[in-house]
N, C-alpha and C. Protein backbone atom coordinates (compact mmCIF):
# COMPACT_ATOMS: atom_id res chain seq x y z
N MET A 1 65.33 10.68 52.04
CA MET A 1 65.49 10.97 50.63
C MET A 1 66.30 12.26 50.46
N THR A 2 67.21 12.24 49.51
CA THR A 2 68.02 13.41 49.20
C THR A 2 67.64 13.90 47.80
N LEU A 3 67.45 15.21 47.67
CA LEU A 3 67.23 15.83 46.37
C LEU A 3 68.08 17.09 46.31
N ILE A 4 68.91 17.17 45.29
CA ILE A 4 69.87 18.27 45.14
C ILE A 4 69.56 19.02 43.85
N ARG A 5 69.61 20.36 43.94
CA ARG A 5 69.57 21.22 42.76
C ARG A 5 71.01 21.65 42.47
N PHE A 6 71.51 21.28 41.30
CA PHE A 6 72.89 21.60 40.92
C PHE A 6 72.86 22.50 39.69
N ASN A 7 73.67 23.56 39.70
CA ASN A 7 73.79 24.44 38.55
C ASN A 7 74.99 23.97 37.73
N LYS A 8 74.71 23.16 36.71
CA LYS A 8 75.76 22.56 35.90
C LYS A 8 76.39 23.61 34.99
N PRO A 9 77.69 23.81 35.12
CA PRO A 9 78.38 24.73 34.21
C PRO A 9 78.53 24.14 32.81
N TYR A 10 78.78 25.01 31.86
CA TYR A 10 79.10 24.62 30.49
C TYR A 10 80.32 23.70 30.52
N GLY A 11 80.30 22.62 29.75
CA GLY A 11 81.46 21.75 29.62
C GLY A 11 81.60 20.67 30.67
N VAL A 12 80.60 20.53 31.56
CA VAL A 12 80.64 19.49 32.59
C VAL A 12 79.76 18.32 32.15
N LEU A 13 80.30 17.11 32.26
CA LEU A 13 79.53 15.91 31.91
C LEU A 13 78.51 15.59 33.00
N CYS A 14 77.35 15.11 32.61
CA CYS A 14 76.28 14.74 33.56
C CYS A 14 76.44 13.31 34.04
N GLN A 15 77.64 12.98 34.47
CA GLN A 15 77.93 11.67 35.05
C GLN A 15 79.07 11.86 36.04
N PHE A 16 79.26 10.85 36.89
CA PHE A 16 80.26 10.99 37.95
C PHE A 16 81.64 10.51 37.53
N THR A 17 81.75 9.74 36.46
CA THR A 17 83.07 9.27 36.02
C THR A 17 83.19 9.45 34.51
N ASP A 18 84.41 9.63 34.06
CA ASP A 18 84.73 9.69 32.64
C ASP A 18 86.20 9.33 32.52
N GLU A 19 86.47 8.05 32.52
CA GLU A 19 87.84 7.55 32.59
C GLU A 19 88.74 8.12 31.50
N GLY A 20 89.77 8.81 31.93
CA GLY A 20 90.84 9.20 31.03
C GLY A 20 90.60 10.39 30.13
N SER A 21 89.42 10.98 30.13
CA SER A 21 89.18 12.09 29.19
C SER A 21 89.70 13.41 29.73
N GLY A 22 89.76 13.53 31.04
CA GLY A 22 90.17 14.79 31.65
C GLY A 22 89.07 15.83 31.71
N ARG A 23 87.87 15.49 31.20
CA ARG A 23 86.76 16.44 31.24
C ARG A 23 86.16 16.47 32.64
N PRO A 24 85.66 17.63 33.09
CA PRO A 24 85.03 17.69 34.41
C PRO A 24 83.71 16.90 34.43
N THR A 25 83.46 16.27 35.57
CA THR A 25 82.24 15.49 35.77
C THR A 25 81.53 15.98 37.03
N LEU A 26 80.39 15.40 37.31
CA LEU A 26 79.65 15.75 38.53
C LEU A 26 80.49 15.52 39.79
N ALA A 27 81.38 14.54 39.76
CA ALA A 27 82.22 14.25 40.92
C ALA A 27 83.11 15.43 41.30
N ASP A 28 83.39 16.31 40.36
CA ASP A 28 84.21 17.48 40.64
C ASP A 28 83.45 18.56 41.41
N PHE A 29 82.12 18.40 41.51
CA PHE A 29 81.28 19.45 42.11
C PHE A 29 80.38 18.94 43.24
N VAL A 30 79.93 17.70 43.14
CA VAL A 30 78.94 17.16 44.10
C VAL A 30 79.58 16.03 44.88
N ASP A 31 79.70 16.22 46.19
CA ASP A 31 80.36 15.21 47.04
C ASP A 31 79.36 14.50 47.94
N VAL A 32 78.16 14.25 47.43
CA VAL A 32 77.11 13.58 48.20
C VAL A 32 77.02 12.14 47.70
N PRO A 33 77.25 11.17 48.59
CA PRO A 33 77.23 9.77 48.14
C PRO A 33 75.81 9.31 47.81
N GLY A 34 75.71 8.43 46.81
CA GLY A 34 74.45 7.76 46.51
C GLY A 34 73.44 8.53 45.68
N VAL A 35 73.79 9.72 45.20
CA VAL A 35 72.84 10.46 44.36
C VAL A 35 73.21 10.29 42.89
N TYR A 36 72.18 10.33 42.05
CA TYR A 36 72.36 10.19 40.62
C TYR A 36 71.51 11.22 39.91
N PRO A 37 71.93 11.66 38.71
CA PRO A 37 71.14 12.67 38.00
C PRO A 37 69.80 12.13 37.54
N ALA A 38 68.78 12.96 37.68
CA ALA A 38 67.44 12.65 37.17
C ALA A 38 67.32 13.39 35.84
N GLY A 39 67.76 12.76 34.77
CA GLY A 39 67.81 13.41 33.47
C GLY A 39 69.23 13.83 33.17
N ARG A 40 69.36 14.54 32.05
CA ARG A 40 70.69 14.93 31.58
C ARG A 40 70.66 16.34 31.03
N LEU A 41 71.81 16.93 30.94
CA LEU A 41 72.03 18.16 30.18
C LEU A 41 73.26 17.90 29.32
N ASP A 42 73.21 18.34 28.07
CA ASP A 42 74.35 18.15 27.18
C ASP A 42 75.58 18.87 27.71
N LEU A 43 76.73 18.46 27.22
CA LEU A 43 78.00 19.07 27.60
C LEU A 43 77.99 20.58 27.40
N ASP A 44 77.34 21.04 26.30
CA ASP A 44 77.34 22.46 25.97
C ASP A 44 76.11 23.20 26.48
N SER A 45 75.35 22.58 27.38
CA SER A 45 74.21 23.23 28.02
C SER A 45 74.53 23.48 29.48
N GLU A 46 73.84 24.45 30.06
CA GLU A 46 74.08 24.84 31.45
C GLU A 46 72.79 24.74 32.23
N GLY A 47 72.91 24.86 33.55
CA GLY A 47 71.74 25.07 34.37
C GLY A 47 71.34 23.93 35.25
N LEU A 48 70.03 23.90 35.56
CA LEU A 48 69.49 23.03 36.60
C LEU A 48 69.58 21.56 36.24
N LEU A 49 70.23 20.82 37.13
CA LEU A 49 70.27 19.37 37.08
C LEU A 49 69.86 18.90 38.47
N LEU A 50 68.86 18.03 38.52
CA LEU A 50 68.42 17.47 39.80
C LEU A 50 69.11 16.14 40.02
N LEU A 51 69.58 15.92 41.24
CA LEU A 51 70.20 14.65 41.61
C LEU A 51 69.47 14.12 42.83
N THR A 52 69.24 12.82 42.86
CA THR A 52 68.52 12.22 43.98
C THR A 52 69.01 10.80 44.24
N ASP A 53 68.71 10.32 45.44
CA ASP A 53 68.98 8.93 45.78
C ASP A 53 67.69 8.11 45.77
N ASP A 54 66.59 8.70 45.34
CA ASP A 54 65.27 8.06 45.31
C ASP A 54 64.96 7.66 43.86
N GLY A 55 64.98 6.36 43.58
CA GLY A 55 64.77 5.87 42.23
C GLY A 55 63.41 6.24 41.65
N ARG A 56 62.36 6.19 42.48
CA ARG A 56 61.02 6.55 41.97
C ARG A 56 60.95 8.01 41.59
N LEU A 57 61.52 8.88 42.44
CA LEU A 57 61.53 10.30 42.13
C LEU A 57 62.38 10.56 40.88
N GLN A 58 63.51 9.89 40.77
CA GLN A 58 64.37 10.03 39.60
C GLN A 58 63.58 9.70 38.34
N ALA A 59 62.81 8.62 38.36
CA ALA A 59 62.01 8.22 37.20
C ALA A 59 60.91 9.24 36.91
N ARG A 60 60.27 9.76 37.95
CA ARG A 60 59.18 10.73 37.75
C ARG A 60 59.71 12.01 37.11
N ILE A 61 60.92 12.40 37.48
CA ILE A 61 61.52 13.61 36.93
C ILE A 61 62.00 13.37 35.49
N ALA A 62 62.66 12.26 35.25
CA ALA A 62 63.35 12.03 33.98
C ALA A 62 62.47 11.40 32.90
N ASP A 63 61.51 10.57 33.26
CA ASP A 63 60.75 9.82 32.27
C ASP A 63 59.74 10.71 31.56
N PRO A 64 59.81 10.80 30.22
CA PRO A 64 58.90 11.66 29.47
C PRO A 64 57.41 11.33 29.66
N LYS A 65 57.09 10.11 30.09
CA LYS A 65 55.67 9.75 30.23
C LYS A 65 55.00 10.57 31.34
N PHE A 66 55.79 11.14 32.25
CA PHE A 66 55.22 11.96 33.33
C PHE A 66 55.05 13.42 32.90
N LYS A 67 55.62 13.80 31.74
CA LYS A 67 55.44 15.12 31.14
C LYS A 67 55.73 16.28 32.09
N MET A 68 56.79 16.14 32.90
CA MET A 68 57.16 17.21 33.81
C MET A 68 57.69 18.40 33.01
N PRO A 69 57.16 19.60 33.24
CA PRO A 69 57.61 20.75 32.46
C PRO A 69 59.06 21.14 32.80
N LYS A 70 59.80 21.46 31.75
CA LYS A 70 61.18 21.92 31.90
C LYS A 70 61.29 23.25 31.16
N THR A 71 61.76 24.29 31.86
CA THR A 71 61.84 25.62 31.28
C THR A 71 63.29 26.00 31.05
N TYR A 72 63.54 26.49 29.85
CA TYR A 72 64.89 26.86 29.42
C TYR A 72 64.94 28.34 29.07
N LEU A 73 66.07 28.97 29.36
CA LEU A 73 66.39 30.30 28.85
C LEU A 73 67.28 30.04 27.64
N VAL A 74 66.86 30.53 26.48
CA VAL A 74 67.53 30.17 25.23
C VAL A 74 67.94 31.43 24.48
N GLN A 75 69.23 31.60 24.27
CA GLN A 75 69.73 32.67 23.42
C GLN A 75 69.81 32.11 22.01
N VAL A 76 69.11 32.77 21.08
CA VAL A 76 69.07 32.28 19.71
C VAL A 76 69.66 33.31 18.75
N GLU A 77 70.12 32.80 17.62
CA GLU A 77 70.63 33.66 16.56
C GLU A 77 69.43 34.25 15.82
N GLY A 78 69.48 35.53 15.56
CA GLY A 78 68.39 36.20 14.87
C GLY A 78 67.29 36.62 15.84
N GLU A 79 66.21 37.12 15.27
CA GLU A 79 65.08 37.59 16.08
C GLU A 79 63.81 36.92 15.59
N PRO A 80 63.37 35.86 16.29
CA PRO A 80 62.19 35.12 15.84
C PRO A 80 60.96 36.02 15.71
N ASP A 81 60.24 35.87 14.60
CA ASP A 81 59.01 36.63 14.40
C ASP A 81 57.83 35.85 14.98
N THR A 82 56.64 36.39 14.84
CA THR A 82 55.46 35.74 15.42
C THR A 82 55.23 34.36 14.82
N ALA A 83 55.57 34.17 13.55
CA ALA A 83 55.39 32.86 12.92
C ALA A 83 56.32 31.81 13.54
N ALA A 84 57.56 32.19 13.81
CA ALA A 84 58.51 31.25 14.42
C ALA A 84 58.06 30.88 15.83
N LEU A 85 57.62 31.89 16.61
CA LEU A 85 57.12 31.60 17.97
C LEU A 85 55.86 30.74 17.91
N ALA A 86 54.98 31.02 16.96
CA ALA A 86 53.75 30.23 16.81
C ALA A 86 54.09 28.78 16.47
N ALA A 87 55.11 28.57 15.63
CA ALA A 87 55.52 27.21 15.28
C ALA A 87 56.02 26.46 16.52
N LEU A 88 56.82 27.13 17.35
CA LEU A 88 57.30 26.50 18.58
C LEU A 88 56.13 26.16 19.49
N ARG A 89 55.14 27.06 19.56
CA ARG A 89 53.98 26.86 20.44
C ARG A 89 53.07 25.73 19.96
N SER A 90 53.06 25.49 18.67
CA SER A 90 52.17 24.44 18.16
C SER A 90 52.89 23.11 17.98
N GLY A 91 54.22 23.12 18.06
CA GLY A 91 55.01 21.91 17.85
C GLY A 91 55.66 21.96 16.49
N VAL A 92 56.92 21.57 16.41
CA VAL A 92 57.64 21.60 15.14
C VAL A 92 57.99 20.18 14.71
N GLN A 93 58.16 20.03 13.42
CA GLN A 93 58.50 18.72 12.87
C GLN A 93 60.02 18.54 12.94
N LEU A 94 60.46 17.49 13.62
CA LEU A 94 61.87 17.12 13.67
C LEU A 94 62.05 15.80 12.93
N LYS A 95 63.28 15.40 12.70
CA LYS A 95 63.53 14.13 11.98
C LYS A 95 62.91 12.93 12.69
N ASP A 96 62.80 13.00 14.02
CA ASP A 96 62.22 11.88 14.77
C ASP A 96 60.74 12.12 15.10
N GLY A 97 60.10 13.01 14.35
CA GLY A 97 58.66 13.23 14.53
C GLY A 97 58.36 14.60 15.11
N PRO A 98 57.08 14.93 15.17
CA PRO A 98 56.68 16.25 15.68
C PRO A 98 56.88 16.35 17.19
N THR A 99 57.21 17.56 17.63
CA THR A 99 57.31 17.80 19.08
C THR A 99 55.93 18.14 19.62
N ARG A 100 55.78 18.00 20.92
CA ARG A 100 54.56 18.47 21.56
C ARG A 100 54.59 20.00 21.55
N PRO A 101 53.44 20.64 21.66
CA PRO A 101 53.43 22.10 21.76
C PRO A 101 54.27 22.55 22.96
N ALA A 102 54.94 23.68 22.79
CA ALA A 102 55.79 24.25 23.84
C ALA A 102 55.25 25.63 24.20
N LYS A 103 55.61 26.08 25.37
CA LYS A 103 55.34 27.48 25.73
C LYS A 103 56.58 28.25 25.30
N ALA A 104 56.41 29.25 24.45
CA ALA A 104 57.56 30.01 23.93
C ALA A 104 57.26 31.49 24.01
N GLU A 105 58.16 32.25 24.63
CA GLU A 105 58.01 33.70 24.77
C GLU A 105 59.35 34.37 24.54
N ARG A 106 59.33 35.52 23.90
CA ARG A 106 60.54 36.33 23.79
C ARG A 106 60.69 37.11 25.09
N ILE A 107 61.92 37.21 25.59
CA ILE A 107 62.18 37.91 26.85
C ILE A 107 63.37 38.84 26.69
N ASP A 108 63.50 39.77 27.63
CA ASP A 108 64.72 40.58 27.69
C ASP A 108 65.87 39.68 28.11
N ALA A 109 67.09 40.08 27.77
CA ALA A 109 68.26 39.28 28.15
C ALA A 109 68.28 39.10 29.66
N PRO A 110 68.33 37.85 30.13
CA PRO A 110 68.36 37.62 31.59
C PRO A 110 69.70 38.00 32.19
N ASP A 111 69.69 38.25 33.49
CA ASP A 111 70.91 38.59 34.22
C ASP A 111 71.57 37.29 34.66
N LEU A 112 72.38 36.72 33.77
CA LEU A 112 73.04 35.45 34.03
C LEU A 112 74.53 35.65 34.26
N TRP A 113 75.15 34.65 34.80
CA TRP A 113 76.60 34.61 34.97
C TRP A 113 77.25 34.56 33.59
N PRO A 114 78.49 35.04 33.47
CA PRO A 114 79.19 34.93 32.18
C PRO A 114 79.48 33.46 31.87
N ARG A 115 79.42 33.12 30.61
CA ARG A 115 79.74 31.74 30.22
C ARG A 115 81.20 31.66 29.83
N ASP A 116 81.84 30.55 30.18
CA ASP A 116 83.22 30.31 29.82
C ASP A 116 83.30 29.01 29.03
N PRO A 117 83.59 29.07 27.73
CA PRO A 117 83.94 30.25 26.93
C PRO A 117 82.69 31.07 26.59
N PRO A 118 82.90 32.35 26.28
CA PRO A 118 81.75 33.19 25.95
C PRO A 118 81.09 32.76 24.64
N VAL A 119 79.82 33.09 24.51
CA VAL A 119 79.09 32.84 23.27
C VAL A 119 79.69 33.75 22.20
N ARG A 120 79.83 33.21 20.99
CA ARG A 120 80.40 34.03 19.92
C ARG A 120 79.51 35.23 19.64
N PHE A 121 80.12 36.34 19.33
CA PHE A 121 79.38 37.57 19.04
C PHE A 121 79.67 37.96 17.60
N ARG A 122 78.62 38.27 16.85
CA ARG A 122 78.79 38.72 15.47
C ARG A 122 77.99 40.00 15.28
N LYS A 123 78.70 41.06 14.91
CA LYS A 123 78.06 42.37 14.76
C LYS A 123 76.93 42.34 13.74
N THR A 124 77.05 41.53 12.71
CA THR A 124 76.08 41.54 11.62
C THR A 124 74.87 40.63 11.87
N VAL A 125 74.93 39.81 12.93
CA VAL A 125 73.83 38.89 13.20
C VAL A 125 73.27 39.18 14.60
N PRO A 126 72.03 39.68 14.67
CA PRO A 126 71.46 39.94 15.99
C PRO A 126 71.12 38.63 16.70
N ASP A 127 70.89 38.72 17.99
CA ASP A 127 70.42 37.57 18.74
C ASP A 127 69.37 38.05 19.73
N CYS A 128 68.65 37.12 20.30
CA CYS A 128 67.67 37.46 21.33
C CYS A 128 67.47 36.26 22.24
N TRP A 129 66.69 36.47 23.30
CA TRP A 129 66.45 35.43 24.31
C TRP A 129 64.98 35.02 24.29
N LEU A 130 64.77 33.73 24.53
CA LEU A 130 63.44 33.17 24.65
C LEU A 130 63.35 32.37 25.94
N THR A 131 62.15 32.20 26.46
CA THR A 131 61.91 31.13 27.41
C THR A 131 61.15 30.07 26.63
N LEU A 132 61.53 28.83 26.84
CA LEU A 132 60.89 27.71 26.16
C LEU A 132 60.61 26.65 27.20
N THR A 133 59.34 26.27 27.33
CA THR A 133 58.96 25.23 28.28
C THR A 133 58.43 24.04 27.49
N ILE A 134 59.06 22.89 27.72
CA ILE A 134 58.66 21.66 27.02
C ILE A 134 58.27 20.61 28.06
N ARG A 135 57.53 19.60 27.60
CA ARG A 135 57.08 18.52 28.48
C ARG A 135 57.51 17.16 27.94
N GLU A 136 58.61 17.15 27.22
CA GLU A 136 59.21 15.91 26.75
C GLU A 136 60.71 16.11 26.84
N GLY A 137 61.50 15.17 26.44
CA GLY A 137 62.94 15.33 26.63
C GLY A 137 63.75 14.55 25.63
N ARG A 138 63.57 14.85 24.38
CA ARG A 138 64.37 14.17 23.36
C ARG A 138 65.79 14.72 23.35
N ASN A 139 66.68 13.96 22.72
CA ASN A 139 68.07 14.36 22.63
C ASN A 139 68.20 15.71 21.92
N ARG A 140 68.82 16.67 22.61
CA ARG A 140 69.08 18.01 22.08
C ARG A 140 67.82 18.67 21.51
N GLN A 141 66.70 18.41 22.14
CA GLN A 141 65.41 18.84 21.61
C GLN A 141 65.27 20.35 21.45
N VAL A 142 65.61 21.11 22.47
CA VAL A 142 65.44 22.57 22.38
C VAL A 142 66.30 23.12 21.25
N ARG A 143 67.53 22.67 21.15
CA ARG A 143 68.42 23.13 20.07
C ARG A 143 67.83 22.78 18.69
N ARG A 144 67.30 21.58 18.57
CA ARG A 144 66.73 21.16 17.29
C ARG A 144 65.44 21.93 16.97
N MET A 145 64.67 22.26 18.00
CA MET A 145 63.43 23.02 17.78
C MET A 145 63.72 24.44 17.29
N THR A 146 64.67 25.11 17.95
CA THR A 146 64.96 26.49 17.52
C THR A 146 65.59 26.50 16.13
N ALA A 147 66.43 25.51 15.83
CA ALA A 147 67.02 25.43 14.49
C ALA A 147 65.93 25.18 13.44
N ALA A 148 64.93 24.36 13.79
CA ALA A 148 63.86 24.04 12.85
C ALA A 148 63.04 25.27 12.45
N VAL A 149 63.01 26.28 13.32
CA VAL A 149 62.28 27.52 12.98
C VAL A 149 63.23 28.61 12.51
N GLY A 150 64.49 28.23 12.20
CA GLY A 150 65.43 29.16 11.60
C GLY A 150 66.25 29.99 12.55
N HIS A 151 66.31 29.59 13.84
CA HIS A 151 67.04 30.38 14.83
C HIS A 151 67.90 29.45 15.70
N PRO A 152 69.12 29.14 15.25
CA PRO A 152 69.97 28.24 16.01
C PRO A 152 70.24 28.75 17.44
N THR A 153 70.34 27.82 18.36
CA THR A 153 70.62 28.14 19.76
C THR A 153 72.09 28.50 19.92
N LEU A 154 72.34 29.61 20.61
CA LEU A 154 73.70 30.03 20.94
C LEU A 154 74.06 29.65 22.38
N ARG A 155 73.10 29.79 23.27
CA ARG A 155 73.32 29.46 24.68
C ARG A 155 72.02 28.87 25.23
N LEU A 156 72.15 27.81 26.04
CA LEU A 156 70.99 27.12 26.57
C LEU A 156 71.18 26.89 28.07
N VAL A 157 70.25 27.45 28.85
CA VAL A 157 70.30 27.33 30.31
C VAL A 157 68.96 26.79 30.79
N ARG A 158 68.98 25.58 31.38
CA ARG A 158 67.74 25.06 31.96
C ARG A 158 67.53 25.76 33.29
N TRP A 159 66.37 26.41 33.44
CA TRP A 159 66.10 27.20 34.63
C TRP A 159 65.18 26.50 35.62
N ARG A 160 64.25 25.69 35.11
CA ARG A 160 63.25 25.09 35.99
C ARG A 160 62.90 23.69 35.51
N ILE A 161 62.68 22.79 36.48
CA ILE A 161 62.13 21.46 36.24
C ILE A 161 60.99 21.30 37.23
N GLY A 162 59.75 21.24 36.72
CA GLY A 162 58.59 21.13 37.61
C GLY A 162 58.59 22.28 38.60
N GLU A 163 58.57 21.95 39.88
CA GLU A 163 58.51 22.97 40.94
C GLU A 163 59.89 23.47 41.37
N TRP A 164 60.96 22.87 40.85
CA TRP A 164 62.31 23.22 41.29
C TRP A 164 62.95 24.19 40.31
N SER A 165 63.64 25.22 40.84
CA SER A 165 64.29 26.18 39.96
C SER A 165 65.72 26.44 40.41
N LEU A 166 66.41 27.20 39.59
CA LEU A 166 67.82 27.50 39.81
C LEU A 166 68.02 28.79 40.60
N ASP A 167 66.93 29.41 41.04
CA ASP A 167 66.94 30.77 41.58
C ASP A 167 68.16 31.16 42.41
N ASP A 168 68.56 30.37 43.38
CA ASP A 168 69.61 30.80 44.31
C ASP A 168 70.87 29.94 44.24
N VAL A 169 71.10 29.29 43.10
CA VAL A 169 72.23 28.37 43.00
C VAL A 169 73.24 28.89 41.96
N PRO A 170 74.40 29.36 42.40
CA PRO A 170 75.42 29.83 41.45
C PRO A 170 76.00 28.68 40.62
N PRO A 171 76.61 28.97 39.48
CA PRO A 171 77.20 27.92 38.65
C PRO A 171 78.24 27.11 39.42
N GLY A 172 78.17 25.78 39.24
CA GLY A 172 79.12 24.89 39.88
C GLY A 172 78.80 24.59 41.33
N GLU A 173 77.68 25.10 41.84
CA GLU A 173 77.29 24.85 43.23
C GLU A 173 75.97 24.12 43.28
N TRP A 174 75.63 23.59 44.46
CA TRP A 174 74.39 22.87 44.64
C TRP A 174 73.74 23.23 45.97
N ARG A 175 72.44 23.00 46.02
CA ARG A 175 71.66 23.21 47.24
C ARG A 175 70.69 22.05 47.39
N GLU A 176 70.40 21.69 48.62
CA GLU A 176 69.34 20.69 48.82
C GLU A 176 68.01 21.33 48.48
N ALA A 177 67.15 20.54 47.85
CA ALA A 177 65.83 21.05 47.44
C ALA A 177 64.83 20.94 48.59
């Protein structure tokens, strides 16, 4: 069995082919035959993507019924107050229904690699960083959750999935787990 931890850069598609678009794909970074992503990260999200050749493990990681925790470092616009953090912790109402409770904490800015392109900076609008751990995986869920409490996401980096983390993997590189 092969399991790879890949640090997906901003702007990379979570698939191996994209005919004719010219956008970078996993094939531009991972040269291991027979592995497929266990879950997805949006084009504008960064961080940990697990790839495996084991279908059962892929399902256990990706399928929401297994409730595997996923931890994100989230740069948000504004400075969430205790009520906004409490709302994230208890679950927020989205158009497709309420989310499960999340673990949400304000943190100091993490020591991350620069993003290309950089996140927009506005002198008049402060920003801050959160860690957010969820146990489901709806489309653009973290972004929709922070927006629902009044703090749009500026940068999103998945740091951990279950027991696997991004600790020693630079952007665009991978390591066997």
